[in-house]
Every structure is written in C-alpha cells, then in structure tokens.
PDB file of N, CA and C in Angstrom:
ATOM      1  N   ASN A   1      81.162 114.244  99.443  1.00  0.00           N
ATOM      2  CA  ASN A   1      80.171 113.546  98.642  1.00  0.00           C
ATOM      3  C   ASN A   1      79.595 112.374  99.425  1.00  0.00           C
ATOM      4  N   LYS A   2      78.328 112.152  99.205  1.00  0.00           N
ATOM      5  CA  LYS A   2      77.656 111.014  99.829  1.00  0.00           C
ATOM      6  C   LYS A   2      76.759 110.354  98.795  1.00  0.00           C
ATOM      7  N   VAL A   3      76.540 109.067  98.953  1.00  0.00           N
ATOM      8  CA  VAL A   3      75.591 108.341  98.120  1.00  0.00           C
ATOM      9  C   VAL A   3      74.364 108.084  98.984  1.00  0.00           C
ATOM     10  N   ILE A   4      73.217 108.608  98.529  1.00  0.00           N
ATOM     11  CA  ILE A   4      71.996 108.578  99.318  1.00  0.00           C
ATOM     12  C   ILE A   4      70.920 107.790  98.560  1.00  0.00           C
ATOM     13  N   PRO A   5      70.230 106.863  99.228  1.00  0.00           N
ATOM     14  CA  PRO A   5      69.143 106.135  98.549  1.00  0.00           C
ATOM     15  C   PRO A   5      67.955 107.053  98.269  1.00  0.00           C
ATOM     16  N   ILE A   6      67.260 106.762  97.189  1.00  0.00           N
ATOM     17  CA  ILE A   6      66.066 107.515  96.813  1.00  0.00           C
ATOM     18  C   ILE A   6      64.853 106.826  97.438  1.00  0.00           C
ATOM     19  N   ARG A   7      64.050 107.596  98.133  1.00  0.00           N
ATOM     20  CA  ARG A   7      62.811 107.080  98.717  1.00  0.00           C
ATOM     21  C   ARG A   7      61.658 107.412  97.776  1.00  0.00           C
ATOM     22  N   LEU A   8      60.562 106.722  97.955  1.00  0.00           N
ATOM     23  CA  LEU A   8      59.408 106.918  97.088  1.00  0.00           C
ATOM     24  C   LEU A   8      58.194 107.324  97.921  1.00  0.00           C
ATOM     25  N   LYS A   9      57.619 108.479  97.596  1.00  0.00           N
ATOM     26  CA  LYS A   9      56.419 108.959  98.288  1.00  0.00           C
ATOM     27  C   LYS A   9      55.188 108.576  97.475  1.00  0.00           C
ATOM     28  N   ASN A  10      54.087 108.366  98.165  1.00  0.00           N
ATOM     29  CA  ASN A  10      52.778 108.106  97.554  1.00  0.00           C
ATOM     30  C   ASN A  10      52.751 106.872  96.660  1.00  0.00           C
ATOM     31  N   PHE A  11      53.517 105.869  97.028  1.00  0.00           N
ATOM     32  CA  PHE A  11      53.570 104.634  96.251  1.00  0.00           C
ATOM     33  C   PHE A  11      52.433 103.718  96.671  1.00  0.00           C
ATOM     34  N   PRO A  12      51.660 103.186  95.717  1.00  0.00           N
ATOM     35  CA  PRO A  12      50.525 102.324  96.079  1.00  0.00           C
ATOM     36  C   PRO A  12      50.983 101.006  96.701  1.00  0.00           C
ATOM     37  N   LYS A  13      50.317 100.611  97.768  1.00  0.00           N
ATOM     38  CA  LYS A  13      50.646  99.345  98.437  1.00  0.00           C
ATOM     39  C   LYS A  13      50.300  98.176  97.528  1.00  0.00           C
ATOM     40  N   GLY A  14      51.097  97.129  97.624  1.00  0.00           N
ATOM     41  CA  GLY A  14      50.855  95.929  96.838  1.00  0.00           C
ATOM     42  C   GLY A  14      51.523  95.957  95.482  1.00  0.00           C
ATOM     43  N   SER A  15      52.157  97.059  95.126  1.00  0.00           N
ATOM     44  CA  SER A  15      52.865  97.152  93.843  1.00  0.00           C
ATOM     45  C   SER A  15      54.359  96.963  94.070  1.00  0.00           C
ATOM     46  N   THR A  16      55.046  96.607  93.011  1.00  0.00           N
ATOM     47  CA  THR A  16      56.490  96.473  93.064  1.00  0.00           C
ATOM     48  C   THR A  16      57.078  97.417  92.033  1.00  0.00           C
ATOM     49  N   LEU A  17      58.117  98.119  92.428  1.00  0.00           N
ATOM     50  CA  LEU A  17      58.718  99.120  91.562  1.00  0.00           C
ATOM     51  C   LEU A  17      60.225  98.985  91.615  1.00  0.00           C
ATOM     52  N   SER A  18      60.863  99.130  90.472  1.00  0.00           N
ATOM     53  CA  SER A  18      62.315  99.118  90.398  1.00  0.00           C
ATOM     54  C   SER A  18      62.780 100.477  89.893  1.00  0.00           C
ATOM     55  N   LEU A  19      63.631 101.143  90.681  1.00  0.00           N
ATOM     56  CA  LEU A  19      64.165 102.453  90.306  1.00  0.00           C
ATOM     57  C   LEU A  19      65.531 102.298  89.660  1.00  0.00           C
ATOM     58  N   LYS A  20      65.771 103.048  88.606  1.00  0.00           N
ATOM     59  CA  LYS A  20      67.064 103.012  87.911  1.00  0.00           C
ATOM     60  C   LYS A  20      67.579 104.418  87.725  1.00  0.00           C
ATOM     61  N   PRO A  21      68.573 104.864  88.425  1.00  0.00           N
ATOM     62  CA  PRO A  21      69.247 104.253  89.568  1.00  0.00           C
ATOM     63  C   PRO A  21      68.405 104.414  90.833  1.00  0.00           C
ATOM     64  N   SER A  22      68.809 103.737  91.877  1.00  0.00           N
ATOM     65  CA  SER A  22      68.055 103.776  93.126  1.00  0.00           C
ATOM     66  C   SER A  22      68.702 104.691  94.174  1.00  0.00           C
ATOM     67  N   GLU A  23      69.746 105.395  93.761  1.00  0.00           N
ATOM     68  CA  GLU A  23      70.424 106.315  94.673  1.00  0.00           C
ATOM     69  C   GLU A  23      71.003 107.484  93.893  1.00  0.00           C
ATOM     70  N   VAL A  24      71.326 108.553  94.621  1.00  0.00           N
ATOM     71  CA  VAL A  24      71.928 109.734  94.008  1.00  0.00           C
ATOM     72  C   VAL A  24      73.277 109.995  94.660  1.00  0.00           C
ATOM     73  N   GLU A  25      74.135 110.673  93.912  1.00  0.00           N
ATOM     74  CA  GLU A  25      75.387 111.160  94.490  1.00  0.00           C
ATOM     75  C   GLU A  25      75.154 112.604  94.883  1.00  0.00           C
ATOM     76  N   LEU A  26      75.366 112.879  96.152  1.00  0.00           N
ATOM     77  CA  LEU A  26      75.079 114.177  96.734  1.00  0.00           C
ATOM     78  C   LEU A  26      76.385 114.865  97.091  1.00  0.00           C
ATOM     79  N   SER A  27      76.494 116.141  96.768  1.00  0.00           N
ATOM     80  CA  SER A  27      77.668 116.916  97.183  1.00  0.00           C
ATOM     81  C   SER A  27      77.179 118.203  97.839  1.00  0.00           C
ATOM     82  N   PHE A  28      77.990 118.735  98.735  1.00  0.00           N
ATOM     83  CA  PHE A  28      77.612 119.949  99.451  1.00  0.00           C
ATOM     84  C   PHE A  28      78.851 120.595 100.047  1.00  0.00           C
ATOM     85  N   TRP A  29      78.700 121.848 100.424  1.00  0.00           N
ATOM     86  CA  TRP A  29      79.761 122.582 101.097  1.00  0.00           C
ATOM     87  C   TRP A  29      79.470 122.593 102.590  1.00  0.00           C
ATOM     88  N   ILE A  30      80.560 122.438 103.363  1.00  0.00           N
ATOM     89  CA  ILE A  30      80.442 122.478 104.820  1.00  0.00           C
ATOM     90  C   ILE A  30      81.811 122.839 105.389  1.00  0.00           C
ATOM     91  N   ALA A  31      81.837 123.516 106.512  1.00  0.00           N
ATOM     92  CA  ALA A  31      83.106 123.851 107.165  1.00  0.00           C
ATOM     93  C   ALA A  31      83.790 122.557 107.603  1.00  0.00           C
ATOM     94  N   MET A  32      85.097 122.516 107.469  1.00  0.00           N
ATOM     95  CA  MET A  32      85.857 121.303 107.806  1.00  0.00           C
ATOM     96  C   MET A  32      85.593 120.826 109.232  1.00  0.00           C
ATOM     97  N   GLN A  33      85.438 121.738 110.175  1.00  0.00           N
ATOM     98  CA  GLN A  33      85.219 121.324 111.560  1.00  0.00           C
ATOM     99  C   GLN A  33      83.835 120.709 111.778  1.00  0.00           C
ATOM    100  N   ASP A  34      82.935 120.859 110.801  1.00  0.00           N
ATOM    101  CA  ASP A  34      81.581 120.326 110.934  1.00  0.00           C
ATOM    102  C   ASP A  34      81.335 119.041 110.147  1.00  0.00           C
ATOM    103  N   VAL A  35      82.336 118.536 109.464  1.00  0.00           N
ATOM    104  CA  VAL A  35      82.164 117.359 108.605  1.00  0.00           C
ATOM    105  C   VAL A  35      81.597 116.171 109.372  1.00  0.00           C
ATOM    106  N   ASP A  36      82.046 115.932 110.566  1.00  0.00           N
ATOM    107  CA  ASP A  36      81.588 114.780 111.353  1.00  0.00           C
ATOM    108  C   ASP A  36      80.174 114.960 111.914  1.00  0.00           C
ATOM    109  N   LYS A  37      79.614 116.151 111.776  1.00  0.00           N
ATOM    110  CA  LYS A  37      78.277 116.425 112.301  1.00  0.00           C
ATOM    111  C   LYS A  37      77.171 116.068 111.310  1.00  0.00           C
ATOM    112  N   VAL A  38      77.533 115.690 110.092  1.00  0.00           N
ATOM    113  CA  VAL A  38      76.552 115.412 109.048  1.00  0.00           C
ATOM    114  C   VAL A  38      76.589 113.926 108.687  1.00  0.00           C
ATOM    115  N   SER A  39      75.397 113.313 108.632  1.00  0.00           N
ATOM    116  CA  SER A  39      75.320 111.900 108.255  1.00  0.00           C
ATOM    117  C   SER A  39      74.341 111.731 107.089  1.00  0.00           C
ATOM    118  N   ASP A  40      74.343 110.547 106.509  1.00  0.00           N
ATOM    119  CA  ASP A  40      73.448 110.242 105.383  1.00  0.00           C
ATOM    120  C   ASP A  40      71.987 110.450 105.760  1.00  0.00           C
ATOM    121  N   SER A  41      71.638 110.137 106.991  1.00  0.00           N
ATOM    122  CA  SER A  41      70.238 110.235 107.417  1.00  0.00           C
ATOM    123  C   SER A  41      69.750 111.680 107.543  1.00  0.00           C
ATOM    124  N   ASP A  42      70.653 112.641 107.421  1.00  0.00           N
ATOM    125  CA  ASP A  42      70.270 114.051 107.465  1.00  0.00           C
ATOM    126  C   ASP A  42      69.639 114.521 106.154  1.00  0.00           C
ATOM    127  N   PHE A  43      69.692 113.699 105.131  1.00  0.00           N
ATOM    128  CA  PHE A  43      69.185 114.081 103.812  1.00  0.00           C
ATOM    129  C   PHE A  43      68.018 113.184 103.425  1.00  0.00           C
ATOM    130  N   TYR A  44      66.976 113.803 102.893  1.00  0.00           N
ATOM    131  CA  TYR A  44      65.805 113.065 102.440  1.00  0.00           C
ATOM    132  C   TYR A  44      65.645 113.311 100.946  1.00  0.00           C
ATOM    133  N   ILE A  45      66.023 112.316 100.160  1.00  0.00           N
ATOM    134  CA  ILE A  45      65.937 112.364  98.702  1.00  0.00           C
ATOM    135  C   ILE A  45      64.753 111.494  98.303  1.00  0.00           C
ATOM    136  N   TYR A  46      63.877 112.020  97.444  1.00  0.00           N
ATOM    137  CA  TYR A  46      62.680 111.248  97.129  1.00  0.00           C
ATOM    138  C   TYR A  46      62.154 111.531  95.721  1.00  0.00           C
ATOM    139  N   CYS A  47      61.298 110.628  95.276  1.00  0.00           N
ATOM    140  CA  CYS A  47      60.485 110.789  94.076  1.00  0.00           C
ATOM    141  C   CYS A  47      59.045 110.670  94.530  1.00  0.00           C
ATOM    142  N   ASP A  48      58.157 111.359  93.833  1.00  0.00           N
ATOM    143  CA  ASP A  48      56.741 111.325  94.171  1.00  0.00           C
ATOM    144  C   ASP A  48      55.995 110.542  93.100  1.00  0.00           C
ATOM    145  N   TYR A  49      55.434 109.402  93.483  1.00  0.00           N
ATOM    146  CA  TYR A  49      54.734 108.547  92.532  1.00  0.00           C
ATOM    147  C   TYR A  49      53.511 109.236  91.927  1.00  0.00           C
ATOM    148  N   ASN A  50      52.985 110.252  92.579  1.00  0.00           N
ATOM    149  CA  ASN A  50      51.850 110.999  92.031  1.00  0.00           C
ATOM    150  C   ASN A  50      52.181 111.636  90.687  1.00  0.00           C
ATOM    151  N   GLU A  51      53.467 111.871  90.421  1.00  0.00           N
ATOM    152  CA  GLU A  51      53.882 112.397  89.113  1.00  0.00           C
ATOM    153  C   GLU A  51      53.498 111.439  87.992  1.00  0.00           C
ATOM    154  N   VAL A  52      53.593 110.147  88.262  1.00  0.00           N
ATOM    155  CA  VAL A  52      53.259 109.136  87.261  1.00  0.00           C
ATOM    156  C   VAL A  52      51.788 109.258  86.881  1.00  0.00           C
ATOM    157  N   LEU A  53      50.951 109.471  87.875  1.00  0.00           N
ATOM    158  CA  LEU A  53      49.520 109.587  87.625  1.00  0.00           C
ATOM    159  C   LEU A  53      49.202 110.819  86.775  1.00  0.00           C
ATOM    160  N   LYS A  54      49.980 111.874  86.933  1.00  0.00           N
ATOM    161  CA  LYS A  54      49.744 113.108  86.186  1.00  0.00           C
ATOM    162  C   LYS A  54      50.337 113.071  84.779  1.00  0.00           C
ATOM    163  N   THR A  55      51.548 112.519  84.661  1.00  0.00           N
ATOM    164  CA  THR A  55      52.274 112.598  83.391  1.00  0.00           C
ATOM    165  C   THR A  55      52.207 111.326  82.559  1.00  0.00           C
ATOM    166  N   LYS A  56      51.888 110.189  83.188  1.00  0.00           N
ATOM    167  CA  LYS A  56      51.885 108.882  82.510  1.00  0.00           C
ATOM    168  C   LYS A  56      53.254 108.550  81.921  1.00  0.00           C
ATOM    169  N   SER A  57      54.304 109.079  82.532  1.00  0.00           N
ATOM    170  CA  SER A  57      55.673 108.865  82.067  1.00  0.00           C
ATOM    171  C   SER A  57      56.370 107.831  82.948  1.00  0.00           C
ATOM    172  N   SER A  58      57.412 107.214  82.426  1.00  0.00           N
ATOM    173  CA  SER A  58      58.205 106.276  83.216  1.00  0.00           C
ATOM    174  C   SER A  58      59.450 106.958  83.789  1.00  0.00           C
ATOM    175  N   VAL A  59      59.459 108.283  83.742  1.00  0.00           N
ATOM    176  CA  VAL A  59      60.565 109.066  84.298  1.00  0.00           C
ATOM    177  C   VAL A  59      60.024 109.895  85.459  1.00  0.00           C
ATOM    178  N   LEU A  60      60.736 109.854  86.567  1.00  0.00           N
ATOM    179  CA  LEU A  60      60.357 110.617  87.749  1.00  0.00           C
ATOM    180  C   LEU A  60      61.430 111.647  88.071  1.00  0.00           C
ATOM    181  N   ASN A  61      61.007 112.809  88.534  1.00  0.00           N
ATOM    182  CA  ASN A  61      61.949 113.815  89.026  1.00  0.00           C
ATOM    183  C   ASN A  61      62.408 113.424  90.422  1.00  0.00           C
ATOM    184  N   VAL A  62      63.639 113.758  90.740  1.00  0.00           N
ATOM    185  CA  VAL A  62      64.205 113.497  92.060  1.00  0.00           C
ATOM    186  C   VAL A  62      64.232 114.818  92.815  1.00  0.00           C
ATOM    187  N   PHE A  63      63.773 114.795  94.070  1.00  0.00           N
ATOM    188  CA  PHE A  63      63.709 115.992  94.893  1.00  0.00           C
ATOM    189  C   PHE A  63      64.501 115.786  96.176  1.00  0.00           C
ATOM    190  N   ILE A  64      64.885 116.899  96.792  1.00  0.00           N
ATOM    191  CA  ILE A  64      65.478 116.858  98.124  1.00  0.00           C
ATOM    192  C   ILE A  64      64.619 117.725  99.022  1.00  0.00           C
ATOM    193  N   ASP A  65      64.371 117.241 100.226  1.00  0.00           N
ATOM    194  CA  ASP A  65      63.603 118.014 101.195  1.00  0.00           C
ATOM    195  C   ASP A  65      64.558 119.001 101.858  1.00  0.00           C
ATOM    196  N   ASP A  66      64.449 120.275 101.477  1.00  0.00           N
ATOM    197  CA  ASP A  66      65.355 121.308 101.980  1.00  0.00           C
ATOM    198  C   ASP A  66      65.237 121.520 103.482  1.00  0.00           C
ATOM    199  N   ALA A  67      64.094 121.176 104.048  1.00  0.00           N
ATOM    200  CA  ALA A  67      63.884 121.383 105.480  1.00  0.00           C
ATOM    201  C   ALA A  67      64.548 120.306 106.324  1.00  0.00           C
ATOM    202  N   LYS A  68      64.988 119.221 105.717  1.00  0.00           N
ATOM    203  CA  LYS A  68      65.527 118.087 106.481  1.00  0.00           C
ATOM    204  C   LYS A  68      67.029 118.189 106.763  1.00  0.00           C
ATOM    205  N   TYR A  69      67.805 118.774 105.864  1.00  0.00           N
ATOM    206  CA  TYR A  69      69.240 118.757 106.110  1.00  0.00           C
ATOM    207  C   TYR A  69      69.669 119.933 106.996  1.00  0.00           C
ATOM    208  N   PRO A  70      70.806 119.779 107.706  1.00  0.00           N
ATOM    209  CA  PRO A  70      71.246 120.782 108.686  1.00  0.00           C
ATOM    210  C   PRO A  70      71.563 122.135 108.035  1.00  0.00           C
ATOM    211  N   SER A  71      71.378 123.195 108.788  1.00  0.00           N
ATOM    212  CA  SER A  71      71.630 124.549 108.289  1.00  0.00           C
ATOM    213  C   SER A  71      73.120 124.806 108.059  1.00  0.00           C
ATOM    214  N   ILE A  72      73.995 123.958 108.607  1.00  0.00           N
ATOM    215  CA  ILE A  72      75.437 124.127 108.387  1.00  0.00           C
ATOM    216  C   ILE A  72      75.855 123.648 107.000  1.00  0.00           C
ATOM    217  N   VAL A  73      74.941 122.986 106.303  1.00  0.00           N
ATOM    218  CA  VAL A  73      75.198 122.466 104.960  1.00  0.00           C
ATOM    219  C   VAL A  73      74.777 123.522 103.932  1.00  0.00           C
ATOM    220  N   LYS A  74      75.652 123.800 102.979  1.00  0.00           N
ATOM    221  CA  LYS A  74      75.383 124.799 101.940  1.00  0.00           C
ATOM    222  C   LYS A  74      75.600 124.200 100.558  1.00  0.00           C
ATOM    223  N   ARG A  75      74.988 124.819  99.554  1.00  0.00           N
ATOM    224  CA  ARG A  75      75.177 124.461  98.140  1.00  0.00           C
ATOM    225  C   ARG A  75      75.025 122.971  97.860  1.00  0.00           C
ATOM    226  N   VAL A  76      73.900 122.460  98.189  1.00  0.00           N
ATOM    227  CA  VAL A  76      73.624 121.030  97.989  1.00  0.00           C
ATOM    228  C   VAL A  76      73.306 120.786  96.516  1.00  0.00           C
ATOM    229  N   LYS A  77      73.970 119.794  95.946  1.00  0.00           N
ATOM    230  CA  LYS A  77      73.720 119.363  94.577  1.00  0.00           C
ATOM    231  C   LYS A  77      73.647 117.847  94.568  1.00  0.00           C
ATOM    232  N   TYR A  78      72.869 117.314  93.639  1.00  0.00           N
ATOM    233  CA  TYR A  78      72.787 115.858  93.532  1.00  0.00           C
ATOM    234  C   TYR A  78      72.567 115.464  92.078  1.00  0.00           C
ATOM    235  N   SER A  79      72.962 114.244  91.808  1.00  0.00           N
ATOM    236  CA  SER A  79      72.835 113.711  90.461  1.00  0.00           C
ATOM    237  C   SER A  79      72.546 112.226  90.568  1.00  0.00           C
ATOM    238  N   PRO A  80      71.627 111.720  89.787  1.00  0.00           N
ATOM    239  CA  PRO A  80      70.836 112.347  88.740  1.00  0.00           C
ATOM    240  C   PRO A  80      69.647 113.101  89.322  1.00  0.00           C
ATOM    241  N   THR A  81      69.026 113.948  88.509  1.00  0.00           N
ATOM    242  CA  THR A  81      67.844 114.688  88.922  1.00  0.00           C
ATOM    243  C   THR A  81      66.556 114.038  88.416  1.00  0.00           C
ATOM    244  N   THR A  82      66.707 113.035  87.560  1.00  0.00           N
ATOM    245  CA  THR A  82      65.568 112.220  87.118  1.00  0.00           C
ATOM    246  C   THR A  82      65.986 110.769  87.117  1.00  0.00           C
ATOM    247  N   ILE A  83      65.006 109.889  87.291  1.00  0.00           N
ATOM    248  CA  ILE A  83      65.265 108.445  87.241  1.00  0.00           C
ATOM    249  C   ILE A  83      64.176 107.780  86.420  1.00  0.00           C
ATOM    250  N   GLU A  84      64.450 106.575  85.982  1.00  0.00           N
ATOM    251  CA  GLU A  84      63.448 105.763  85.297  1.00  0.00           C
ATOM    252  C   GLU A  84      62.962 104.697  86.272  1.00  0.00           C
ATOM    253  N   PHE A  85      61.769 104.221  86.044  1.00  0.00           N
ATOM    254  CA  PHE A  85      61.249 103.169  86.904  1.00  0.00           C
ATOM    255  C   PHE A  85      60.496 102.147  86.055  1.00  0.00           C
ATOM    256  N   VAL A  86      60.418 100.944  86.614  1.00  0.00           N
ATOM    257  CA  VAL A  86      59.639  99.878  86.025  1.00  0.00           C
ATOM    258  C   VAL A  86      58.652  99.414  87.079  1.00  0.00           C
ATOM    259  N   ASP A  87      57.370  99.443  86.754  1.00  0.00           N
ATOM    260  CA  ASP A  87      56.306  99.027  87.660  1.00  0.00           C
ATOM    261  C   ASP A  87      55.901  97.606  87.271  1.00  0.00           C
ATOM    262  N   TYR A  88      55.994  96.679  88.221  1.00  0.00           N
ATOM    263  CA  TYR A  88      55.682  95.279  87.948  1.00  0.00           C
ATOM    264  C   TYR A  88      54.233  94.967  88.202  1.00  0.00           C
TER     265      TYR A  88
END
C-alpha cells in the first residue's frame, strides 16, 4: 500500500482550491522481488477540474493514469474514488 497525493489537471491559474482528502490510499499486486522497483512517483493520481465546468458539482472523480505505472504492477486499486473540493 502507498499513500499518493492527488494532482489537479486543468485548474485555472489564480484560483485556490482545497481537496478533501488530498491523497488516496493505493494498493496493488507485485512480485516480492520487484517491491523495491516501484516508487510513489510511478503513479499519477489526478482529478480533472473540467468536470466542475460540466457538472457544476463540488465532487470530483479521482483517476489513475494507467500508462504511467510500471507493467510489473497488477490489480491497482485506490480509495477514495471521489473527493470534495472547496474553491476560494
């Protein structure tokens, strides 16, 4: 298990946003001999601010970029899959 910060895509400059929570707990399967080959930076967890423009909701879906993590990693799961935000 790893705790990974959530990044924000398409966020307008000059705004301030607070994410609740601001990180996800990530779990995955990997061969024991490969455990040291995987780091937090291998995972890209994000929310897309463009969702706010479409839905007008204060809840964002959390996504993982499947192309970013190593192929030795299998069955990736993370929680939470949605977060709330406050735009200042």
